[in-house]
C-alpha atoms as a PDB file:
ATOM      1  CA  MET A   1     -87.548 -19.239  46.748  1.00  0.00           C
ATOM      2  CA  ASP A   2     -83.800 -19.625  46.294  1.00  0.00           C
ATOM      3  CA  GLU A   3     -82.491 -23.126  46.761  1.00  0.00           C
ATOM      4  CA  ALA A   4     -81.129 -24.064  50.172  1.00  0.00           C
ATOM      5  CA  PRO A   5     -77.378 -23.472  50.511  1.00  0.00           C
ATOM      6  CA  GLY A   6     -75.408 -26.489  49.301  1.00  0.00           C
ATOM      7  CA  VAL A   7     -72.602 -26.129  51.862  1.00  0.00           C
ATOM      8  CA  VAL A   8     -71.741 -27.195  55.398  1.00  0.00           C
ATOM      9  CA  GLU A   9     -70.831 -24.326  57.730  1.00  0.00           C
ATOM     10  CA  THR A  10     -67.765 -25.052  59.877  1.00  0.00           C
ATOM     11  CA  GLY A  11     -65.892 -21.726  59.755  1.00  0.00           C
ATOM     12  CA  THR A  12     -64.812 -20.008  62.969  1.00  0.00           C
ATOM     13  CA  ALA A  13     -62.909 -16.927  61.744  1.00  0.00           C
ATOM     14  CA  ASN A  14     -64.190 -13.395  62.294  1.00  0.00           C
ATOM     15  CA  SER A  15     -63.370 -10.493  60.018  1.00  0.00           C
ATOM     16  CA  ASP A  16     -64.204  -6.887  59.282  1.00  0.00           C
ATOM     17  CA  TYR A  17     -65.238  -6.198  55.701  1.00  0.00           C
ATOM     18  CA  GLU A  18     -62.296  -5.262  53.490  1.00  0.00           C
ATOM     19  CA  GLY A  19     -63.591  -6.467  50.129  1.00  0.00           C
ATOM     20  CA  MET A  20     -64.358  -9.835  48.531  1.00  0.00           C
ATOM     21  CA  ARG A  21     -62.861 -11.747  45.636  1.00  0.00           C
ATOM     22  CA  LEU A  22     -63.811 -14.545  43.290  1.00  0.00           C
ATOM     23  CA  ASP A  23     -60.405 -15.937  42.367  1.00  0.00           C
ATOM     24  CA  ARG A  24     -60.431 -17.990  39.146  1.00  0.00           C
ATOM     25  CA  VAL A  25     -63.600 -19.817  40.131  1.00  0.00           C
ATOM     26  CA  THR A  26     -65.273 -22.516  38.069  1.00  0.00           C
ATOM     27  CA  PHE A  27     -68.806 -23.530  38.966  1.00  0.00           C
ATOM     28  CA  ALA A  28     -71.482 -25.798  37.506  1.00  0.00           C
ATOM     29  CA  TYR A  29     -74.822 -26.461  39.174  1.00  0.00           C
ATOM     30  CA  PRO A  30     -75.479 -30.041  40.353  1.00  0.00           C
ATOM     31  CA  GLY A  31     -76.495 -32.229  37.444  1.00  0.00           C
ATOM     32  CA  GLU A  32     -75.130 -29.785  34.848  1.00  0.00           C
ATOM     33  CA  SER A  33     -72.116 -30.771  32.770  1.00  0.00           C
ATOM     34  CA  GLU A  34     -71.339 -27.261  31.534  1.00  0.00           C
ATOM     35  CA  ALA A  35     -69.904 -24.662  33.894  1.00  0.00           C
ATOM     36  CA  ILE A  36     -71.819 -21.389  34.099  1.00  0.00           C
ATOM     37  CA  LEU A  37     -68.634 -19.705  35.344  1.00  0.00           C
ATOM     38  CA  ALA A  38     -65.218 -20.900  34.167  1.00  0.00           C
ATOM     39  CA  ASP A  39     -61.892 -19.592  35.508  1.00  0.00           C
ATOM     40  CA  PHE A  40     -63.697 -16.382  36.449  1.00  0.00           C
ATOM     41  CA  SER A  41     -62.294 -13.650  38.693  1.00  0.00           C
ATOM     42  CA  LEU A  42     -64.026 -10.671  40.263  1.00  0.00           C
ATOM     43  CA  ASP A  43     -62.928  -8.111  42.837  1.00  0.00           C
ATOM     44  CA  VAL A  44     -65.706  -6.665  44.993  1.00  0.00           C
ATOM     45  CA  PRO A  45     -64.602  -3.283  46.357  1.00  0.00           C
ATOM     46  CA  GLN A  46     -64.608  -2.156  49.966  1.00  0.00           C
ATOM     47  CA  HIS A  47     -67.081   0.617  49.190  1.00  0.00           C
ATOM     48  CA  GLY A  48     -69.068   2.097  46.302  1.00  0.00           C
ATOM     49  CA  ILE A  49     -71.412   0.462  43.787  1.00  0.00           C
ATOM     50  CA  LEU A  50     -70.148  -2.224  41.416  1.00  0.00           C
ATOM     51  CA  GLY A  51     -72.628  -2.777  38.596  1.00  0.00           C
ATOM     52  CA  ILE A  52     -72.711  -6.100  36.736  1.00  0.00           C
ATOM     53  CA  GLN A  53     -74.742  -5.906  33.538  1.00  0.00           C
ATOM     54  CA  GLY A  54     -75.502  -8.430  30.835  1.00  0.00           C
ATOM     55  CA  PRO A  55     -78.122 -10.775  29.379  1.00  0.00           C
ATOM     56  CA  SER A  56     -79.555 -13.827  31.112  1.00  0.00           C
ATOM     57  CA  GLY A  57     -77.431 -16.960  31.295  1.00  0.00           C
ATOM     58  CA  ARG A  58     -74.080 -15.249  31.839  1.00  0.00           C
ATOM     59  CA  GLY A  59     -73.779 -16.258  35.505  1.00  0.00           C
ATOM     60  CA  LYS A  60     -74.605 -12.914  37.114  1.00  0.00           C
ATOM     61  CA  SER A  61     -76.885 -14.368  39.793  1.00  0.00           C
ATOM     62  CA  THR A  62     -74.488 -17.280  40.290  1.00  0.00           C
ATOM     63  CA  MET A  63     -71.718 -14.845  41.237  1.00  0.00           C
ATOM     64  CA  LEU A  64     -73.916 -13.481  44.017  1.00  0.00           C
ATOM     65  CA  LYS A  65     -74.732 -16.974  45.287  1.00  0.00           C
ATOM     66  CA  LEU A  66     -71.029 -17.792  45.465  1.00  0.00           C
ATOM     67  CA  LEU A  67     -70.336 -14.526  47.302  1.00  0.00           C
ATOM     68  CA  MET A  68     -73.102 -15.431  49.789  1.00  0.00           C
ATOM     69  CA  ARG A  69     -71.798 -19.016  49.971  1.00  0.00           C
ATOM     70  CA  TYR A  70     -75.012 -20.647  48.874  1.00  0.00           C
ATOM     71  CA  TRP A  71     -72.597 -22.873  46.966  1.00  0.00           C
ATOM     72  CA  ASP A  72     -68.845 -23.427  46.824  1.00  0.00           C
ATOM     73  CA  PRO A  73     -67.029 -23.395  43.466  1.00  0.00           C
ATOM     74  CA  GLN A  74     -65.626 -26.637  42.089  1.00  0.00           C
ATOM     75  CA  ARG A  75     -62.329 -24.850  41.416  1.00  0.00           C
ATOM     76  CA  GLY A  76     -60.877 -21.568  42.554  1.00  0.00           C
ATOM     77  CA  GLN A  77     -61.578 -19.693  45.752  1.00  0.00           C
ATOM     78  CA  VAL A  78     -63.954 -17.109  47.215  1.00  0.00           C
ATOM     79  CA  THR A  79     -62.432 -14.843  49.859  1.00  0.00           C
ATOM     80  CA  LEU A  80     -63.740 -12.214  52.268  1.00  0.00           C
ATOM     81  CA  SER A  81     -61.126  -9.723  53.455  1.00  0.00           C
ATOM     82  CA  GLY A  82     -58.482 -12.141  52.195  1.00  0.00           C
ATOM     83  CA  THR A  83     -59.806 -15.121  54.180  1.00  0.00           C
ATOM     84  CA  PRO A  84     -61.380 -18.113  52.388  1.00  0.00           C
ATOM     85  CA  LEU A  85     -65.137 -17.743  52.746  1.00  0.00           C
ATOM     86  CA  SER A  86     -65.488 -21.302  54.036  1.00  0.00           C
ATOM     87  CA  GLN A  87     -63.334 -20.347  57.046  1.00  0.00           C
ATOM     88  CA  ILE A  88     -65.507 -17.369  58.056  1.00  0.00           C
ATOM     89  CA  ASP A  89     -68.015 -17.943  60.859  1.00  0.00           C
ATOM     90  CA  VAL A  90     -71.513 -17.960  59.367  1.00  0.00           C
ATOM     91  CA  HIS A  91     -72.836 -15.476  61.950  1.00  0.00           C
ATOM     92  CA  ALA A  92     -69.978 -13.084  61.206  1.00  0.00           C
ATOM     93  CA  ARG A  93     -70.716 -13.398  57.497  1.00  0.00           C
ATOM     94  CA  ARG A  94     -74.410 -12.706  57.987  1.00  0.00           C
ATOM     95  CA  ARG A  95     -73.519  -9.611  59.963  1.00  0.00           C
ATOM     96  CA  ILE A  96     -71.398  -8.358  57.065  1.00  0.00           C
ATOM     97  CA  GLN A  97     -73.609  -9.341  54.099  1.00  0.00           C
ATOM     98  CA  ALA A  98     -77.191  -8.807  52.962  1.00  0.00           C
ATOM     99  CA  MET A  99     -78.853  -9.756  49.696  1.00  0.00           C
ATOM    100  CA  MET A 100     -82.038  -8.628  47.958  1.00  0.00           C
ATOM    101  CA  SER A 101     -83.380 -10.574  44.987  1.00  0.00           C
ATOM    102  CA  GLN A 102     -85.895  -9.580  42.326  1.00  0.00           C
ATOM    103  CA  GLU A 103     -88.677 -11.498  44.084  1.00  0.00           C
ATOM    104  CA  ILE A 104     -89.433 -10.208  47.570  1.00  0.00           C
ATOM    105  CA  HIS A 105     -91.005 -12.857  49.788  1.00  0.00           C
ATOM    106  CA  LEU A 106     -93.622 -11.478  52.165  1.00  0.00           C
ATOM    107  CA  PHE A 107     -95.677 -13.684  54.458  1.00  0.00           C
ATOM    108  CA  ASP A 108     -99.322 -13.232  55.450  1.00  0.00           C
ATOM    109  CA  GLY A 109     -98.899 -10.781  58.313  1.00  0.00           C
ATOM    110  CA  THR A 110     -98.470  -7.087  58.984  1.00  0.00           C
ATOM    111  CA  ILE A 111     -95.957  -4.737  57.426  1.00  0.00           C
ATOM    112  CA  ARG A 112     -94.301  -4.486  60.851  1.00  0.00           C
ATOM    113  CA  GLU A 113     -93.946  -8.262  61.140  1.00  0.00           C
ATOM    114  CA  ASN A 114     -92.522  -8.492  57.620  1.00  0.00           C
ATOM    115  CA  LEU A 115     -89.906  -5.883  58.516  1.00  0.00           C
ATOM    116  CA  LEU A 116     -88.930  -7.349  61.878  1.00  0.00           C
ATOM    117  CA  ILE A 117     -87.699 -10.583  60.290  1.00  0.00           C
ATOM    118  CA  ALA A 118     -84.702  -8.569  59.078  1.00  0.00           C
ATOM    119  CA  LEU A 119     -83.572  -8.121  62.690  1.00  0.00           C
ATOM    120  CA  PRO A 120     -82.032 -10.716  65.012  1.00  0.00           C
ATOM    121  CA  GLU A 121     -84.277 -11.791  67.883  1.00  0.00           C
ATOM    122  CA  SER A 122     -81.796 -10.283  70.337  1.00  0.00           C
ATOM    123  CA  GLU A 123     -82.195  -6.838  68.771  1.00  0.00           C
ATOM    124  CA  ILE A 124     -85.985  -7.117  68.883  1.00  0.00           C
ATOM    125  CA  ARG A 125     -85.924  -8.186  72.540  1.00  0.00           C
ATOM    126  CA  ASN A 126     -83.471  -5.452  73.475  1.00  0.00           C
ATOM    127  CA  GLY A 127     -85.073  -2.794  71.321  1.00  0.00           C
ATOM    128  CA  GLY A 128     -86.721  -1.102  74.264  1.00  0.00           C
ATOM    129  CA  ALA A 129     -90.210   0.316  74.070  1.00  0.00           C
ATOM    130  CA  ALA A 130     -92.316  -0.450  71.013  1.00  0.00           C
ATOM    131  CA  GLY A 131     -92.082   3.202  69.985  1.00  0.00           C
ATOM    132  CA  VAL A 132     -88.286   3.004  69.823  1.00  0.00           C
ATOM    133  CA  LEU A 133     -88.394  -0.071  67.602  1.00  0.00           C
ATOM    134  CA  ASP A 134     -91.108   1.453  65.429  1.00  0.00           C
ATOM    135  CA  ALA A 135     -88.960   4.561  64.995  1.00  0.00           C
ATOM    136  CA  ARG A 136     -86.219   2.347  63.605  1.00  0.00           C
ATOM    137  CA  LEU A 137     -88.671   0.690  61.218  1.00  0.00           C
ATOM    138  CA  ARG A 138     -89.969   4.073  60.087  1.00  0.00           C
ATOM    139  CA  GLU A 139     -86.441   5.308  59.433  1.00  0.00           C
ATOM    140  CA  ALA A 140     -85.769   2.286  57.196  1.00  0.00           C
ATOM    141  CA  LEU A 141     -89.075   2.800  55.378  1.00  0.00           C
ATOM    142  CA  ALA A 142     -88.219   6.458  54.795  1.00  0.00           C
ATOM    143  CA  LYS A 143     -84.837   5.525  53.325  1.00  0.00           C
ATOM    144  CA  ALA A 144     -86.636   3.067  51.033  1.00  0.00           C
ATOM    145  CA  SER A 145     -89.043   5.824  49.907  1.00  0.00           C
ATOM    146  CA  VAL A 146     -92.136   3.991  51.131  1.00  0.00           C
ATOM    147  CA  LEU A 147     -92.915   5.669  54.479  1.00  0.00           C
ATOM    148  CA  ASP A 148     -95.420   8.126  52.985  1.00  0.00           C
ATOM    149  CA  LEU A 149     -97.374   5.199  51.557  1.00  0.00           C
ATOM    150  CA  ILE A 150     -97.380   3.351  54.891  1.00  0.00           C
ATOM    151  CA  ASP A 151     -98.530   6.477  56.714  1.00  0.00           C
ATOM    152  CA  SER A 152    -101.403   6.892  54.242  1.00  0.00           C
ATOM    153  CA  LEU A 153    -102.809   3.458  55.129  1.00  0.00           C
ATOM    154  CA  PRO A 154    -105.463   3.369  57.874  1.00  0.00           C
ATOM    155  CA  ASP A 155    -103.546   0.750  59.892  1.00  0.00           C
ATOM    156  CA  GLY A 156    -100.034   1.982  59.093  1.00  0.00           C
ATOM    157  CA  LEU A 157     -97.415  -0.561  60.162  1.00  0.00           C
ATOM    158  CA  ASN A 158    -100.226  -2.878  61.273  1.00  0.00           C
ATOM    159  CA  THR A 159    -101.555  -3.162  57.710  1.00  0.00           C
ATOM    160  CA  GLN A 160    -101.986  -6.768  56.601  1.00  0.00           C
ATOM    161  CA  VAL A 161    -100.037  -7.447  53.396  1.00  0.00           C
ATOM    162  CA  GLY A 162    -101.994 -10.554  52.399  1.00  0.00           C
ATOM    163  CA  GLU A 163    -100.712 -13.929  51.277  1.00  0.00           C
ATOM    164  CA  LEU A 164     -97.355 -13.455  49.528  1.00  0.00           C
ATOM    165  CA  GLY A 165     -97.879  -9.705  49.899  1.00  0.00           C
ATOM    166  CA  ASP A 166    -100.612  -9.698  47.261  1.00  0.00           C
ATOM    167  CA  ARG A 167    -102.273  -6.596  48.730  1.00  0.00           C
ATOM    168  CA  LEU A 168     -99.229  -4.574  47.721  1.00  0.00           C
ATOM    169  CA  SER A 169     -98.008  -3.686  44.245  1.00  0.00           C
ATOM    170  CA  GLU A 170     -94.737  -5.042  42.848  1.00  0.00           C
ATOM    171  CA  GLY A 171     -93.027  -1.706  43.459  1.00  0.00           C
ATOM    172  CA  GLU A 172     -94.326  -1.524  47.029  1.00  0.00           C
ATOM    173  CA  ARG A 173     -93.084  -5.048  47.771  1.00  0.00           C
ATOM    174  CA  GLN A 174     -89.655  -4.143  46.397  1.00  0.00           C
ATOM    175  CA  ARG A 175     -89.494  -1.097  48.645  1.00  0.00           C
ATOM    176  CA  ILE A 176     -90.470  -3.170  51.687  1.00  0.00           C
ATOM    177  CA  GLY A 177     -87.621  -5.511  50.736  1.00  0.00           C
ATOM    178  CA  LEU A 178     -85.283  -2.541  50.468  1.00  0.00           C
ATOM    179  CA  ALA A 179     -86.359  -1.338  53.920  1.00  0.00           C
ATOM    180  CA  ARG A 180     -85.327  -4.761  55.246  1.00  0.00           C
ATOM    181  CA  VAL A 181     -81.887  -4.185  53.739  1.00  0.00           C
ATOM    182  CA  PHE A 182     -81.572  -0.831  55.514  1.00  0.00           C
ATOM    183  CA  LEU A 183     -82.515  -2.514  58.799  1.00  0.00           C
ATOM    184  CA  ARG A 184     -79.719  -5.052  58.395  1.00  0.00           C
ATOM    185  CA  ASN A 185     -76.926  -2.418  58.532  1.00  0.00           C
ATOM    186  CA  ALA A 186     -74.700  -4.705  56.462  1.00  0.00           C
ATOM    187  CA  ASP A 187     -71.277  -3.692  55.124  1.00  0.00           C
ATOM    188  CA  LEU A 188     -71.878  -5.402  51.759  1.00  0.00           C
ATOM    189  CA  VAL A 189     -75.269  -5.521  50.033  1.00  0.00           C
ATOM    190  CA  LEU A 190     -75.914  -7.639  46.941  1.00  0.00           C
ATOM    191  CA  PHE A 191     -78.844  -6.784  44.655  1.00  0.00           C
ATOM    192  CA  ASP A 192     -80.036  -9.346  42.104  1.00  0.00           C
ATOM    193  CA  GLU A 193     -82.215  -7.703  39.418  1.00  0.00           C
ATOM    194  CA  PRO A 194     -83.997  -5.415  41.918  1.00  0.00           C
ATOM    195  CA  THR A 195     -85.781  -3.401  39.202  1.00  0.00           C
ATOM    196  CA  SER A 196     -86.369  -5.997  36.487  1.00  0.00           C
ATOM    197  CA  ARG A 197     -90.161  -6.091  37.004  1.00  0.00           C
ATOM    198  CA  LEU A 198     -90.668  -2.402  37.702  1.00  0.00           C
ATOM    199  CA  ASP A 199     -91.809   0.508  35.582  1.00  0.00           C
ATOM    200  CA  THR A 200     -89.569   3.511  35.003  1.00  0.00           C
ATOM    201  CA  LEU A 201     -90.888   5.491  37.988  1.00  0.00           C
ATOM    202  CA  ASN A 202     -90.473   2.670  40.511  1.00  0.00           C
ATOM    203  CA  GLU A 203     -87.071   1.796  39.069  1.00  0.00           C
ATOM    204  CA  ALA A 204     -85.920   5.374  39.639  1.00  0.00           C
ATOM    205  CA  ILE A 205     -87.149   5.265  43.256  1.00  0.00           C
ATOM    206  CA  ILE A 206     -85.326   1.998  43.977  1.00  0.00           C
ATOM    207  CA  LEU A 207     -82.104   3.151  42.299  1.00  0.00           C
ATOM    208  CA  ARG A 208     -82.121   6.414  44.234  1.00  0.00           C
ATOM    209  CA  SER A 209     -82.442   4.476  47.489  1.00  0.00           C
ATOM    210  CA  ILE A 210     -79.621   2.108  46.482  1.00  0.00           C
ATOM    211  CA  HIS A 211     -77.404   5.098  45.726  1.00  0.00           C
ATOM    212  CA  GLU A 212     -78.216   6.617  49.128  1.00  0.00           C
ATOM    213  CA  LEU A 213     -77.514   3.257  50.785  1.00  0.00           C
ATOM    214  CA  SER A 214     -74.037   3.187  49.243  1.00  0.00           C
ATOM    215  CA  LYS A 215     -73.265   6.569  50.811  1.00  0.00           C
ATOM    216  CA  SER A 216     -74.388   5.600  54.305  1.00  0.00           C
ATOM    217  CA  VAL A 217     -71.681   4.858  56.868  1.00  0.00           C
ATOM    218  CA  GLN A 218     -72.079   1.535  58.669  1.00  0.00           C
ATOM    219  CA  ASN A 219     -68.676   1.505  60.372  1.00  0.00           C
ATOM    220  CA  ALA A 220     -68.256   4.749  62.291  1.00  0.00           C
ATOM    221  CA  ASP A 221     -64.717   3.887  63.433  1.00  0.00           C
ATOM    222  CA  LYS A 222     -63.484   3.481  59.869  1.00  0.00           C
ATOM    223  CA  GLY A 223     -65.868   5.955  58.259  1.00  0.00           C
ATOM    224  CA  GLN A 224     -66.540   3.178  55.762  1.00  0.00           C
ATOM    225  CA  ASP A 225     -69.383   3.485  53.259  1.00  0.00           C
ATOM    226  CA  VAL A 226     -71.516   0.499  52.340  1.00  0.00           C
ATOM    227  CA  ALA A 227     -70.324  -1.636  49.422  1.00  0.00           C
ATOM    228  CA  VAL A 228     -72.975  -2.590  46.855  1.00  0.00           C
ATOM    229  CA  VAL A 229     -73.010  -5.119  44.030  1.00  0.00           C
ATOM    230  CA  LEU A 230     -75.875  -4.362  41.638  1.00  0.00           C
ATOM    231  CA  VAL A 231     -76.715  -7.071  39.101  1.00  0.00           C
ATOM    232  CA  SER A 232     -79.131  -6.181  36.311  1.00  0.00           C
ATOM    233  CA  ARG A 233     -79.951  -6.872  32.691  1.00  0.00           C
ATOM    234  CA  ARG A 234     -81.103  -3.264  32.408  1.00  0.00           C
ATOM    235  CA  GLU A 235     -78.551  -0.750  31.217  1.00  0.00           C
ATOM    236  CA  SER A 236     -80.607   1.972  32.919  1.00  0.00           C
ATOM    237  CA  ALA A 237     -79.858   0.437  36.330  1.00  0.00           C
ATOM    238  CA  MET A 238     -76.144   0.979  35.792  1.00  0.00           C
ATOM    239  CA  ARG A 239     -76.396   4.760  35.959  1.00  0.00           C
ATOM    240  CA  VAL A 240     -75.936   4.692  39.754  1.00  0.00           C
ATOM    241  CA  ALA A 241     -72.855   2.439  39.587  1.00  0.00           C
ATOM    242  CA  ASP A 242     -69.344   3.711  40.258  1.00  0.00           C
ATOM    243  CA  ALA A 243     -67.895   0.951  38.064  1.00  0.00           C
ATOM    244  CA  VAL A 244     -69.588  -1.445  35.621  1.00  0.00           C
ATOM    245  CA  LEU A 245     -68.632  -4.963  34.528  1.00  0.00           C
ATOM    246  CA  ASN A 246     -70.285  -5.933  31.244  1.00  0.00           C
ATOM    247  CA  LEU A 247     -70.720  -9.653  30.594  1.00  0.00           C
END
């Protein structure tokens, strides 16, 4: 599991998503004397896929943690739509952002239960009849290219995944994780090595779904596509990116 966020949330500002920026940030993990990012700047676009590619140890995952405000930089500033991230209300930020890491955490329950954790309790309570909510889950599974598999299982959405999801393959767990992302309807989605443990076929399936995600419109008023940051060591993952930063 990722470490617990090392920040205190006191922000009250609300904002629509108009891009993010790491502005000359320097960051070292607690207990480390050497900074993993030093005077580093990055502009995250308002839409499209930004690929970040490079070997381990270059700070790729750290960038995502700073964008999600798991940590604050020791120097420099992280902004969302021009507002310092620390000033943004945490609930507003969670509405805007979603993140998927290389290790998908599933608990010992059904596929349905493991999907529903992506939704706020209020949406589950107000989701209407079970069939309406299930239709939403099925739509997300279809976008993640895993619905046919679920439908082939005797218990469908009620299939038990086992402890840590051990009844599913690595590729199937990744696609369940991707379905969670689709359910979130976030404006900005961060992917941390989503295909690093997958074979070529499963990588292609995940990348196709990420590309389709980036073309989906989450803000109907603005007609704004989803923004994606895709971090990977694999050069092959960068083929879906609109722009690539090599570290």
